[in-house]
ModelCIF file with pLDDT and N, C-alpha, C, O atoms, coordinates in Angstrom:
data_MODEL
#
_entry.id   MODEL 
#
_entity.id                         1 
_entity.type                       polymer 
_entity.pdbx_number_of_molecules   1 
#
_entity_poly.entity_id                      1 
_entity_poly.type                           'polypeptide(L)' 
_entity_poly.nstd_linkage                   no 
_entity_poly.nstd_monomer                   no 
_entity_poly.pdbx_seq_one_letter_code       ADRLIGGQKAVWYGAIIIMIGHIILAIPNDTTFFIGLIVVILGTGLL 
_entity_poly.pdbx_seq_one_letter_code_can   ADRLIGGQKAVWYGAIIIMIGHIILAIPNDTTFFIGLIVVILGTGLL 
_entity_poly.pdbx_strand_id                 A 
#
loop_
_entity_poly_seq.entity_id 
_entity_poly_seq.num 
_entity_poly_seq.mon_id 
_entity_poly_seq.hetero 
1 1  ALA n 
1 2  ASP n 
1 3  ARG n 
1 4  LEU n 
1 5  ILE n 
1 6  GLY n 
1 7  GLY n 
1 8  GLN n 
1 9  LYS n 
1 10 ALA n 
1 11 VAL n 
1 12 TRP n 
1 13 TYR n 
1 14 GLY n 
1 15 ALA n 
1 16 ILE n 
1 17 ILE n 
1 18 ILE n 
1 19 MET n 
1 20 ILE n 
1 21 GLY n 
1 22 HIS n 
1 23 ILE n 
1 24 ILE n 
1 25 LEU n 
1 26 ALA n 
1 27 ILE n 
1 28 PRO n 
1 29 ASN n 
1 30 ASP n 
1 31 THR n 
1 32 THR n 
1 33 PHE n 
1 34 PHE n 
1 35 ILE n 
1 36 GLY n 
1 37 LEU n 
1 38 ILE n 
1 39 VAL n 
1 40 VAL n 
1 41 ILE n 
1 42 LEU n 
1 43 GLY n 
1 44 THR n 
1 45 GLY n 
1 46 LEU n 
1 47 LEU n 
#
_struct_asym.id          A 
_struct_asym.entity_id   1 
#
loop_
_ma_qa_metric.id 
_ma_qa_metric.mode 
_ma_qa_metric.name 
_ma_qa_metric.software_group_id 
_ma_qa_metric.type 
1 global pLDDT . pLDDT 
2 local  pLDDT . pLDDT 
#
_ma_qa_metric_global.metric_id      1 
_ma_qa_metric_global.metric_value   91.87 
_ma_qa_metric_global.model_id       1 
_ma_qa_metric_global.ordinal_id     1 
#
loop_
_ma_qa_metric_local.label_asym_id 
_ma_qa_metric_local.label_comp_id 
_ma_qa_metric_local.label_seq_id 
_ma_qa_metric_local.metric_id 
_ma_qa_metric_local.metric_value 
_ma_qa_metric_local.model_id 
_ma_qa_metric_local.ordinal_id 
A ALA 1  2 89.00 1 1  
A ASP 2  2 87.00 1 2  
A ARG 3  2 88.00 1 3  
A LEU 4  2 92.00 1 4  
A ILE 5  2 91.00 1 5  
A GLY 6  2 90.00 1 6  
A GLY 7  2 89.00 1 7  
A GLN 8  2 93.00 1 8  
A LYS 9  2 94.00 1 9  
A ALA 10 2 93.00 1 10 
A VAL 11 2 93.00 1 11 
A TRP 12 2 95.00 1 12 
A TYR 13 2 95.00 1 13 
A GLY 14 2 95.00 1 14 
A ALA 15 2 95.00 1 15 
A ILE 16 2 96.00 1 16 
A ILE 17 2 96.00 1 17 
A ILE 18 2 95.00 1 18 
A MET 19 2 95.00 1 19 
A ILE 20 2 96.00 1 20 
A GLY 21 2 94.00 1 21 
A HIS 22 2 95.00 1 22 
A ILE 23 2 95.00 1 23 
A ILE 24 2 94.00 1 24 
A LEU 25 2 93.00 1 25 
A ALA 26 2 92.00 1 26 
A ILE 27 2 90.00 1 27 
A PRO 28 2 85.00 1 28 
A ASN 29 2 81.00 1 29 
A ASP 30 2 78.00 1 30 
A THR 31 2 81.00 1 31 
A THR 32 2 87.00 1 32 
A PHE 33 2 91.00 1 33 
A PHE 34 2 91.00 1 34 
A ILE 35 2 92.00 1 35 
A GLY 36 2 93.00 1 36 
A LEU 37 2 93.00 1 37 
A ILE 38 2 94.00 1 38 
A VAL 39 2 95.00 1 39 
A VAL 40 2 95.00 1 40 
A ILE 41 2 95.00 1 41 
A LEU 42 2 95.00 1 42 
A GLY 43 2 95.00 1 43 
A THR 44 2 93.00 1 44 
A GLY 45 2 91.00 1 45 
A LEU 46 2 92.00 1 46 
A LEU 47 2 91.00 1 47 
#
loop_
_atom_site.group_PDB 
_atom_site.id 
_atom_site.type_symbol 
_atom_site.label_atom_id 
_atom_site.label_alt_id 
_atom_site.label_comp_id 
_atom_site.label_asym_id 
_atom_site.label_entity_id 
_atom_site.label_seq_id 
_atom_site.pdbx_PDB_ins_code 
_atom_site.Cartn_x 
_atom_site.Cartn_y 
_atom_site.Cartn_z 
_atom_site.occupancy 
_atom_site.B_iso_or_equiv 
_atom_site.pdbx_formal_charge 
_atom_site.auth_seq_id 
_atom_site.auth_comp_id 
_atom_site.auth_asym_id 
_atom_site.auth_atom_id 
_atom_site.pdbx_PDB_model_num 
ATOM 1   N N  . ALA A 1 1  ? 0.831   -1.206  0.000  1.00 89.00 ? 1  ALA A N  1 
ATOM 2   C CA . ALA A 1 1  ? 0.000   0.000   0.000  1.00 89.00 ? 1  ALA A CA 1 
ATOM 3   C C  . ALA A 1 1  ? 0.866   1.256   0.000  1.00 89.00 ? 1  ALA A C  1 
ATOM 4   O O  . ALA A 1 1  ? 0.606   2.190   -0.759 1.00 89.00 ? 1  ALA A O  1 
ATOM 5   N N  . ASP A 1 2  ? 1.901   1.283   0.854  1.00 87.00 ? 2  ASP A N  1 
ATOM 6   C CA . ASP A 1 2  ? 2.740   2.473   0.983  1.00 87.00 ? 2  ASP A CA 1 
ATOM 7   C C  . ASP A 1 2  ? 3.557   2.758   -0.271 1.00 87.00 ? 2  ASP A C  1 
ATOM 8   O O  . ASP A 1 2  ? 3.812   3.916   -0.600 1.00 87.00 ? 2  ASP A O  1 
ATOM 9   N N  . ARG A 1 3  ? 3.970   1.700   -0.974 1.00 88.00 ? 3  ARG A N  1 
ATOM 10  C CA . ARG A 1 3  ? 4.918   1.890   -2.074 1.00 88.00 ? 3  ARG A CA 1 
ATOM 11  C C  . ARG A 1 3  ? 4.331   1.678   -3.469 1.00 88.00 ? 3  ARG A C  1 
ATOM 12  O O  . ARG A 1 3  ? 4.882   2.175   -4.452 1.00 88.00 ? 3  ARG A O  1 
ATOM 13  N N  . LEU A 1 4  ? 3.204   0.935   -3.568 1.00 92.00 ? 4  LEU A N  1 
ATOM 14  C CA . LEU A 1 4  ? 2.745   0.551   -4.907 1.00 92.00 ? 4  LEU A CA 1 
ATOM 15  C C  . LEU A 1 4  ? 1.337   1.030   -5.272 1.00 92.00 ? 4  LEU A C  1 
ATOM 16  O O  . LEU A 1 4  ? 1.149   1.615   -6.339 1.00 92.00 ? 4  LEU A O  1 
ATOM 17  N N  . ILE A 1 5  ? 0.336   0.791   -4.396 1.00 91.00 ? 5  ILE A N  1 
ATOM 18  C CA . ILE A 1 5  ? -1.035  1.020   -4.849 1.00 91.00 ? 5  ILE A CA 1 
ATOM 19  C C  . ILE A 1 5  ? -1.851  1.968   -3.975 1.00 91.00 ? 5  ILE A C  1 
ATOM 20  O O  . ILE A 1 5  ? -2.926  2.397   -4.393 1.00 91.00 ? 5  ILE A O  1 
ATOM 21  N N  . GLY A 1 6  ? -1.385  2.305   -2.796 1.00 90.00 ? 6  GLY A N  1 
ATOM 22  C CA . GLY A 1 6  ? -2.157  3.168   -1.913 1.00 90.00 ? 6  GLY A CA 1 
ATOM 23  C C  . GLY A 1 6  ? -3.136  2.381   -1.057 1.00 90.00 ? 6  GLY A C  1 
ATOM 24  O O  . GLY A 1 6  ? -3.495  1.252   -1.390 1.00 90.00 ? 6  GLY A O  1 
ATOM 25  N N  . GLY A 1 7  ? -3.570  2.986   0.053  1.00 89.00 ? 7  GLY A N  1 
ATOM 26  C CA . GLY A 1 7  ? -4.424  2.300   1.013  1.00 89.00 ? 7  GLY A CA 1 
ATOM 27  C C  . GLY A 1 7  ? -5.800  1.964   0.479  1.00 89.00 ? 7  GLY A C  1 
ATOM 28  O O  . GLY A 1 7  ? -6.321  0.884   0.758  1.00 89.00 ? 7  GLY A O  1 
ATOM 29  N N  . GLN A 1 8  ? -6.411  2.881   -0.299 1.00 93.00 ? 8  GLN A N  1 
ATOM 30  C CA . GLN A 1 8  ? -7.759  2.629   -0.794 1.00 93.00 ? 8  GLN A CA 1 
ATOM 31  C C  . GLN A 1 8  ? -7.830  1.375   -1.654 1.00 93.00 ? 8  GLN A C  1 
ATOM 32  O O  . GLN A 1 8  ? -8.707  0.533   -1.460 1.00 93.00 ? 8  GLN A O  1 
ATOM 33  N N  . LYS A 1 9  ? -6.905  1.251   -2.607 1.00 94.00 ? 9  LYS A N  1 
ATOM 34  C CA . LYS A 1 9  ? -6.900  0.069   -3.476 1.00 94.00 ? 9  LYS A CA 1 
ATOM 35  C C  . LYS A 1 9  ? -6.522  -1.184  -2.698 1.00 94.00 ? 9  LYS A C  1 
ATOM 36  O O  . LYS A 1 9  ? -7.030  -2.268  -2.985 1.00 94.00 ? 9  LYS A O  1 
ATOM 37  N N  . ALA A 1 10 ? -5.637  -1.046  -1.719 1.00 93.00 ? 10 ALA A N  1 
ATOM 38  C CA . ALA A 1 10 ? -5.247  -2.205  -0.915 1.00 93.00 ? 10 ALA A CA 1 
ATOM 39  C C  . ALA A 1 10 ? -6.454  -2.764  -0.171 1.00 93.00 ? 10 ALA A C  1 
ATOM 40  O O  . ALA A 1 10 ? -6.657  -3.977  -0.132 1.00 93.00 ? 10 ALA A O  1 
ATOM 41  N N  . VAL A 1 11 ? -7.254  -1.882  0.418  1.00 93.00 ? 11 VAL A N  1 
ATOM 42  C CA . VAL A 1 11 ? -8.453  -2.327  1.125  1.00 93.00 ? 11 VAL A CA 1 
ATOM 43  C C  . VAL A 1 11 ? -9.452  -2.944  0.152  1.00 93.00 ? 11 VAL A C  1 
ATOM 44  O O  . VAL A 1 11 ? -10.034 -3.990  0.441  1.00 93.00 ? 11 VAL A O  1 
ATOM 45  N N  . TRP A 1 12 ? -9.653  -2.308  -0.997 1.00 95.00 ? 12 TRP A N  1 
ATOM 46  C CA . TRP A 1 12 ? -10.618 -2.798  -1.989 1.00 95.00 ? 12 TRP A CA 1 
ATOM 47  C C  . TRP A 1 12 ? -10.237 -4.187  -2.503 1.00 95.00 ? 12 TRP A C  1 
ATOM 48  O O  . TRP A 1 12 ? -11.047 -5.113  -2.468 1.00 95.00 ? 12 TRP A O  1 
ATOM 49  N N  . TYR A 1 13 ? -9.002  -4.323  -2.980 1.00 95.00 ? 13 TYR A N  1 
ATOM 50  C CA . TYR A 1 13 ? -8.581  -5.619  -3.524 1.00 95.00 ? 13 TYR A CA 1 
ATOM 51  C C  . TYR A 1 13 ? -8.450  -6.669  -2.410 1.00 95.00 ? 13 TYR A C  1 
ATOM 52  O O  . TYR A 1 13 ? -8.744  -7.845  -2.624 1.00 95.00 ? 13 TYR A O  1 
ATOM 53  N N  . GLY A 1 14 ? -8.012  -6.240  -1.232 1.00 95.00 ? 14 GLY A N  1 
ATOM 54  C CA . GLY A 1 14 ? -7.938  -7.176  -0.119 1.00 95.00 ? 14 GLY A CA 1 
ATOM 55  C C  . GLY A 1 14 ? -9.298  -7.749  0.225  1.00 95.00 ? 14 GLY A C  1 
ATOM 56  O O  . GLY A 1 14 ? -9.429  -8.950  0.463  1.00 95.00 ? 14 GLY A O  1 
ATOM 57  N N  . ALA A 1 15 ? -10.327 -6.881  0.255  1.00 95.00 ? 15 ALA A N  1 
ATOM 58  C CA . ALA A 1 15 ? -11.685 -7.341  0.566  1.00 95.00 ? 15 ALA A CA 1 
ATOM 59  C C  . ALA A 1 15 ? -12.201 -8.296  -0.498 1.00 95.00 ? 15 ALA A C  1 
ATOM 60  O O  . ALA A 1 15 ? -12.870 -9.277  -0.176 1.00 95.00 ? 15 ALA A O  1 
ATOM 61  N N  . ILE A 1 16 ? -11.897 -8.020  -1.764 1.00 96.00 ? 16 ILE A N  1 
ATOM 62  C CA . ILE A 1 16 ? -12.324 -8.929  -2.850 1.00 96.00 ? 16 ILE A CA 1 
ATOM 63  C C  . ILE A 1 16 ? -11.669 -10.295 -2.687 1.00 96.00 ? 16 ILE A C  1 
ATOM 64  O O  . ILE A 1 16 ? -12.326 -11.326 -2.828 1.00 96.00 ? 16 ILE A O  1 
ATOM 65  N N  . ILE A 1 17 ? -10.368 -10.297 -2.387 1.00 96.00 ? 17 ILE A N  1 
ATOM 66  C CA . ILE A 1 17 ? -9.650  -11.562 -2.212 1.00 96.00 ? 17 ILE A CA 1 
ATOM 67  C C  . ILE A 1 17 ? -10.208 -12.335 -1.012 1.00 96.00 ? 17 ILE A C  1 
ATOM 68  O O  . ILE A 1 17 ? -10.364 -13.554 -1.081 1.00 96.00 ? 17 ILE A O  1 
ATOM 69  N N  . ILE A 1 18 ? -10.510 -11.629 0.094  1.00 95.00 ? 18 ILE A N  1 
ATOM 70  C CA . ILE A 1 18 ? -11.098 -12.283 1.264  1.00 95.00 ? 18 ILE A CA 1 
ATOM 71  C C  . ILE A 1 18 ? -12.433 -12.919 0.905  1.00 95.00 ? 18 ILE A C  1 
ATOM 72  O O  . ILE A 1 18 ? -12.691 -14.067 1.268  1.00 95.00 ? 18 ILE A O  1 
ATOM 73  N N  . MET A 1 19 ? -13.280 -12.185 0.199  1.00 95.00 ? 19 MET A N  1 
ATOM 74  C CA . MET A 1 19 ? -14.595 -12.718 -0.190 1.00 95.00 ? 19 MET A CA 1 
ATOM 75  C C  . MET A 1 19 ? -14.441 -13.968 -1.055 1.00 95.00 ? 19 MET A C  1 
ATOM 76  O O  . MET A 1 19 ? -15.157 -14.952 -0.867 1.00 95.00 ? 19 MET A O  1 
ATOM 77  N N  . ILE A 1 20 ? -13.503 -13.924 -2.005 1.00 96.00 ? 20 ILE A N  1 
ATOM 78  C CA . ILE A 1 20 ? -13.262 -15.103 -2.852 1.00 96.00 ? 20 ILE A CA 1 
ATOM 79  C C  . ILE A 1 20 ? -12.819 -16.288 -1.996 1.00 96.00 ? 20 ILE A C  1 
ATOM 80  O O  . ILE A 1 20 ? -13.251 -17.418 -2.221 1.00 96.00 ? 20 ILE A O  1 
ATOM 81  N N  . GLY A 1 21 ? -11.956 -16.024 -1.015 1.00 94.00 ? 21 GLY A N  1 
ATOM 82  C CA . GLY A 1 21 ? -11.497 -17.090 -0.129 1.00 94.00 ? 21 GLY A CA 1 
ATOM 83  C C  . GLY A 1 21 ? -12.644 -17.732 0.636  1.00 94.00 ? 21 GLY A C  1 
ATOM 84  O O  . GLY A 1 21 ? -12.699 -18.956 0.758  1.00 94.00 ? 21 GLY A O  1 
ATOM 85  N N  . HIS A 1 22 ? -13.553 -16.925 1.147  1.00 95.00 ? 22 HIS A N  1 
ATOM 86  C CA . HIS A 1 22 ? -14.691 -17.474 1.883  1.00 95.00 ? 22 HIS A CA 1 
ATOM 87  C C  . HIS A 1 22 ? -15.635 -18.241 0.954  1.00 95.00 ? 22 HIS A C  1 
ATOM 88  O O  . HIS A 1 22 ? -16.223 -19.244 1.359  1.00 95.00 ? 22 HIS A O  1 
ATOM 89  N N  . ILE A 1 23 ? -15.780 -17.778 -0.281 1.00 95.00 ? 23 ILE A N  1 
ATOM 90  C CA . ILE A 1 23 ? -16.609 -18.515 -1.249 1.00 95.00 ? 23 ILE A CA 1 
ATOM 91  C C  . ILE A 1 23 ? -16.002 -19.891 -1.502 1.00 95.00 ? 23 ILE A C  1 
ATOM 92  O O  . ILE A 1 23 ? -16.722 -20.886 -1.581 1.00 95.00 ? 23 ILE A O  1 
ATOM 93  N N  . ILE A 1 24 ? -14.668 -19.945 -1.630 1.00 94.00 ? 24 ILE A N  1 
ATOM 94  C CA . ILE A 1 24 ? -13.987 -21.235 -1.823 1.00 94.00 ? 24 ILE A CA 1 
ATOM 95  C C  . ILE A 1 24 ? -14.205 -22.128 -0.609 1.00 94.00 ? 24 ILE A C  1 
ATOM 96  O O  . ILE A 1 24 ? -14.422 -23.331 -0.760 1.00 94.00 ? 24 ILE A O  1 
ATOM 97  N N  . LEU A 1 25 ? -14.150 -21.557 0.594  1.00 93.00 ? 25 LEU A N  1 
ATOM 98  C CA . LEU A 1 25 ? -14.377 -22.334 1.811  1.00 93.00 ? 25 LEU A CA 1 
ATOM 99  C C  . LEU A 1 25 ? -15.810 -22.875 1.870  1.00 93.00 ? 25 LEU A C  1 
ATOM 100 O O  . LEU A 1 25 ? -16.064 -23.928 2.456  1.00 93.00 ? 25 LEU A O  1 
ATOM 101 N N  . ALA A 1 26 ? -16.734 -22.142 1.257  1.00 92.00 ? 26 ALA A N  1 
ATOM 102 C CA . ALA A 1 26 ? -18.134 -22.580 1.287  1.00 92.00 ? 26 ALA A CA 1 
ATOM 103 C C  . ALA A 1 26 ? -18.395 -23.766 0.368  1.00 92.00 ? 26 ALA A C  1 
ATOM 104 O O  . ALA A 1 26 ? -19.439 -24.412 0.468  1.00 92.00 ? 26 ALA A O  1 
ATOM 105 N N  . ILE A 1 27 ? -17.449 -24.058 -0.533 1.00 90.00 ? 27 ILE A N  1 
ATOM 106 C CA . ILE A 1 27 ? -17.601 -25.219 -1.419 1.00 90.00 ? 27 ILE A CA 1 
ATOM 107 C C  . ILE A 1 27 ? -17.345 -26.492 -0.618 1.00 90.00 ? 27 ILE A C  1 
ATOM 108 O O  . ILE A 1 27 ? -16.289 -26.623 0.001  1.00 90.00 ? 27 ILE A O  1 
ATOM 109 N N  . PRO A 1 28 ? -18.289 -27.431 -0.617 1.00 85.00 ? 28 PRO A N  1 
ATOM 110 C CA . PRO A 1 28 ? -18.105 -28.664 0.182  1.00 85.00 ? 28 PRO A CA 1 
ATOM 111 C C  . PRO A 1 28 ? -17.095 -29.614 -0.443 1.00 85.00 ? 28 PRO A C  1 
ATOM 112 O O  . PRO A 1 28 ? -17.459 -30.670 -0.959 1.00 85.00 ? 28 PRO A O  1 
ATOM 113 N N  . ASN A 1 29 ? -15.817 -29.227 -0.392 1.00 81.00 ? 29 ASN A N  1 
ATOM 114 C CA . ASN A 1 29 ? -14.753 -30.032 -0.961 1.00 81.00 ? 29 ASN A CA 1 
ATOM 115 C C  . ASN A 1 29 ? -13.526 -29.910 -0.064 1.00 81.00 ? 29 ASN A C  1 
ATOM 116 O O  . ASN A 1 29 ? -13.101 -28.803 0.270  1.00 81.00 ? 29 ASN A O  1 
ATOM 117 N N  . ASP A 1 30 ? -12.958 -31.050 0.325  1.00 78.00 ? 30 ASP A N  1 
ATOM 118 C CA . ASP A 1 30 ? -11.834 -31.036 1.258  1.00 78.00 ? 30 ASP A CA 1 
ATOM 119 C C  . ASP A 1 30 ? -10.603 -30.348 0.669  1.00 78.00 ? 30 ASP A C  1 
ATOM 120 O O  . ASP A 1 30 ? -9.881  -29.654 1.385  1.00 78.00 ? 30 ASP A O  1 
ATOM 121 N N  . THR A 1 31 ? -10.361 -30.534 -0.614 1.00 81.00 ? 31 THR A N  1 
ATOM 122 C CA . THR A 1 31 ? -9.175  -29.963 -1.240 1.00 81.00 ? 31 THR A CA 1 
ATOM 123 C C  . THR A 1 31 ? -9.244  -28.446 -1.286 1.00 81.00 ? 31 THR A C  1 
ATOM 124 O O  . THR A 1 31 ? -8.273  -27.767 -0.951 1.00 81.00 ? 31 THR A O  1 
ATOM 125 N N  . THR A 1 32 ? -10.387 -27.910 -1.699 1.00 87.00 ? 32 THR A N  1 
ATOM 126 C CA . THR A 1 32 ? -10.517 -26.460 -1.844 1.00 87.00 ? 32 THR A CA 1 
ATOM 127 C C  . THR A 1 32 ? -10.504 -25.741 -0.490 1.00 87.00 ? 32 THR A C  1 
ATOM 128 O O  . THR A 1 32 ? -10.260 -24.535 -0.440 1.00 87.00 ? 32 THR A O  1 
ATOM 129 N N  . PHE A 1 33 ? -10.762 -26.461 0.601  1.00 91.00 ? 33 PHE A N  1 
ATOM 130 C CA . PHE A 1 33 ? -10.778 -25.829 1.923  1.00 91.00 ? 33 PHE A CA 1 
ATOM 131 C C  . PHE A 1 33 ? -9.453  -25.139 2.218  1.00 91.00 ? 33 PHE A C  1 
ATOM 132 O O  . PHE A 1 33 ? -9.438  -23.989 2.657  1.00 91.00 ? 33 PHE A O  1 
ATOM 133 N N  . PHE A 1 34 ? -8.351  -25.823 1.984  1.00 91.00 ? 34 PHE A N  1 
ATOM 134 C CA . PHE A 1 34 ? -7.049  -25.259 2.308  1.00 91.00 ? 34 PHE A CA 1 
ATOM 135 C C  . PHE A 1 34 ? -6.659  -24.151 1.324  1.00 91.00 ? 34 PHE A C  1 
ATOM 136 O O  . PHE A 1 34 ? -5.952  -23.212 1.692  1.00 91.00 ? 34 PHE A O  1 
ATOM 137 N N  . ILE A 1 35 ? -7.119  -24.262 0.080  1.00 92.00 ? 35 ILE A N  1 
ATOM 138 C CA . ILE A 1 35 ? -6.902  -23.166 -0.866 1.00 92.00 ? 35 ILE A CA 1 
ATOM 139 C C  . ILE A 1 35 ? -7.629  -21.915 -0.383 1.00 92.00 ? 35 ILE A C  1 
ATOM 140 O O  . ILE A 1 35 ? -7.098  -20.807 -0.460 1.00 92.00 ? 35 ILE A O  1 
ATOM 141 N N  . GLY A 1 36 ? -8.842  -22.106 0.113  1.00 93.00 ? 36 GLY A N  1 
ATOM 142 C CA . GLY A 1 36 ? -9.608  -20.983 0.650  1.00 93.00 ? 36 GLY A CA 1 
ATOM 143 C C  . GLY A 1 36 ? -8.896  -20.300 1.799  1.00 93.00 ? 36 GLY A C  1 
ATOM 144 O O  . GLY A 1 36 ? -8.893  -19.072 1.884  1.00 93.00 ? 36 GLY A O  1 
ATOM 145 N N  . LEU A 1 37 ? -8.289  -21.082 2.688  1.00 93.00 ? 37 LEU A N  1 
ATOM 146 C CA . LEU A 1 37 ? -7.548  -20.505 3.811  1.00 93.00 ? 37 LEU A CA 1 
ATOM 147 C C  . LEU A 1 37 ? -6.396  -19.633 3.328  1.00 93.00 ? 37 LEU A C  1 
ATOM 148 O O  . LEU A 1 37 ? -6.187  -18.531 3.836  1.00 93.00 ? 37 LEU A O  1 
ATOM 149 N N  . ILE A 1 38 ? -5.644  -20.136 2.336  1.00 94.00 ? 38 ILE A N  1 
ATOM 150 C CA . ILE A 1 38 ? -4.508  -19.375 1.802  1.00 94.00 ? 38 ILE A CA 1 
ATOM 151 C C  . ILE A 1 38 ? -4.986  -18.061 1.194  1.00 94.00 ? 38 ILE A C  1 
ATOM 152 O O  . ILE A 1 38 ? -4.361  -17.019 1.392  1.00 94.00 ? 38 ILE A O  1 
ATOM 153 N N  . VAL A 1 39 ? -6.089  -18.108 0.456  1.00 95.00 ? 39 VAL A N  1 
ATOM 154 C CA . VAL A 1 39 ? -6.621  -16.906 -0.193 1.00 95.00 ? 39 VAL A CA 1 
ATOM 155 C C  . VAL A 1 39 ? -7.065  -15.881 0.855  1.00 95.00 ? 39 VAL A C  1 
ATOM 156 O O  . VAL A 1 39 ? -6.808  -14.688 0.697  1.00 95.00 ? 39 VAL A O  1 
ATOM 157 N N  . VAL A 1 40 ? -7.728  -16.336 1.923  1.00 95.00 ? 40 VAL A N  1 
ATOM 158 C CA . VAL A 1 40 ? -8.166  -15.421 2.977  1.00 95.00 ? 40 VAL A CA 1 
ATOM 159 C C  . VAL A 1 40 ? -6.960  -14.777 3.658  1.00 95.00 ? 40 VAL A C  1 
ATOM 160 O O  . VAL A 1 40 ? -6.990  -13.586 3.969  1.00 95.00 ? 40 VAL A O  1 
ATOM 161 N N  . ILE A 1 41 ? -5.905  -15.550 3.889  1.00 95.00 ? 41 ILE A N  1 
ATOM 162 C CA . ILE A 1 41 ? -4.678  -15.004 4.500  1.00 95.00 ? 41 ILE A CA 1 
ATOM 163 C C  . ILE A 1 41 ? -4.116  -13.864 3.646  1.00 95.00 ? 41 ILE A C  1 
ATOM 164 O O  . ILE A 1 41 ? -3.773  -12.803 4.167  1.00 95.00 ? 41 ILE A O  1 
ATOM 165 N N  . LEU A 1 42 ? -4.026  -14.089 2.338  1.00 95.00 ? 42 LEU A N  1 
ATOM 166 C CA . LEU A 1 42 ? -3.471  -13.079 1.440  1.00 95.00 ? 42 LEU A CA 1 
ATOM 167 C C  . LEU A 1 42 ? -4.330  -11.819 1.437  1.00 95.00 ? 42 LEU A C  1 
ATOM 168 O O  . LEU A 1 42 ? -3.803  -10.707 1.473  1.00 95.00 ? 42 LEU A O  1 
ATOM 169 N N  . GLY A 1 43 ? -5.641  -11.985 1.394  1.00 95.00 ? 43 GLY A N  1 
ATOM 170 C CA . GLY A 1 43 ? -6.536  -10.826 1.377  1.00 95.00 ? 43 GLY A CA 1 
ATOM 171 C C  . GLY A 1 43 ? -6.511  -10.042 2.671  1.00 95.00 ? 43 GLY A C  1 
ATOM 172 O O  . GLY A 1 43 ? -6.512  -8.811  2.663  1.00 95.00 ? 43 GLY A O  1 
ATOM 173 N N  . THR A 1 44 ? -6.488  -10.763 3.788  1.00 93.00 ? 44 THR A N  1 
ATOM 174 C CA . THR A 1 44 ? -6.475  -10.088 5.091  1.00 93.00 ? 44 THR A CA 1 
ATOM 175 C C  . THR A 1 44 ? -5.168  -9.333  5.300  1.00 93.00 ? 44 THR A C  1 
ATOM 176 O O  . THR A 1 44 ? -5.167  -8.241  5.868  1.00 93.00 ? 44 THR A O  1 
ATOM 177 N N  . GLY A 1 45 ? -4.066  -9.900  4.849  1.00 91.00 ? 45 GLY A N  1 
ATOM 178 C CA . GLY A 1 45 ? -2.787  -9.212  4.957  1.00 91.00 ? 45 GLY A CA 1 
ATOM 179 C C  . GLY A 1 45 ? -2.761  -7.913  4.179  1.00 91.00 ? 45 GLY A C  1 
ATOM 180 O O  . GLY A 1 45 ? -2.045  -6.981  4.547  1.00 91.00 ? 45 GLY A O  1 
ATOM 181 N N  . LEU A 1 46 ? -3.539  -7.840  3.101  1.00 92.00 ? 46 LEU A N  1 
ATOM 182 C CA . LEU A 1 46 ? -3.608  -6.627  2.296  1.00 92.00 ? 46 LEU A CA 1 
ATOM 183 C C  . LEU A 1 46 ? -4.557  -5.604  2.901  1.00 92.00 ? 46 LEU A C  1 
ATOM 184 O O  . LEU A 1 46 ? -4.284  -4.405  2.849  1.00 92.00 ? 46 LEU A O  1 
ATOM 185 N N  . LEU A 1 47 ? -5.670  -6.060  3.477  1.00 91.00 ? 47 LEU A N  1 
ATOM 186 C CA . LEU A 1 47 ? -6.690  -5.140  3.993  1.00 91.00 ? 47 LEU A CA 1 
ATOM 187 C C  . LEU A 1 47 ? -6.408  -4.642  5.399  1.00 91.00 ? 47 LEU A C  1 
ATOM 188 O O  . LEU A 1 47 ? -7.189  -3.864  5.947  1.00 91.00 ? 47 LEU A O  1 
#
């Protein structure tokens, strides 16, 4: 945020990534569960 895109875009894209992660977690599949966790981590770190 400080060096590349600014806080507003960081929050916006972070929230989108978090939402995608939770959607993946909502899929009843054991494999996608851990992918969802990784995606939520990345989004939360940005937001």
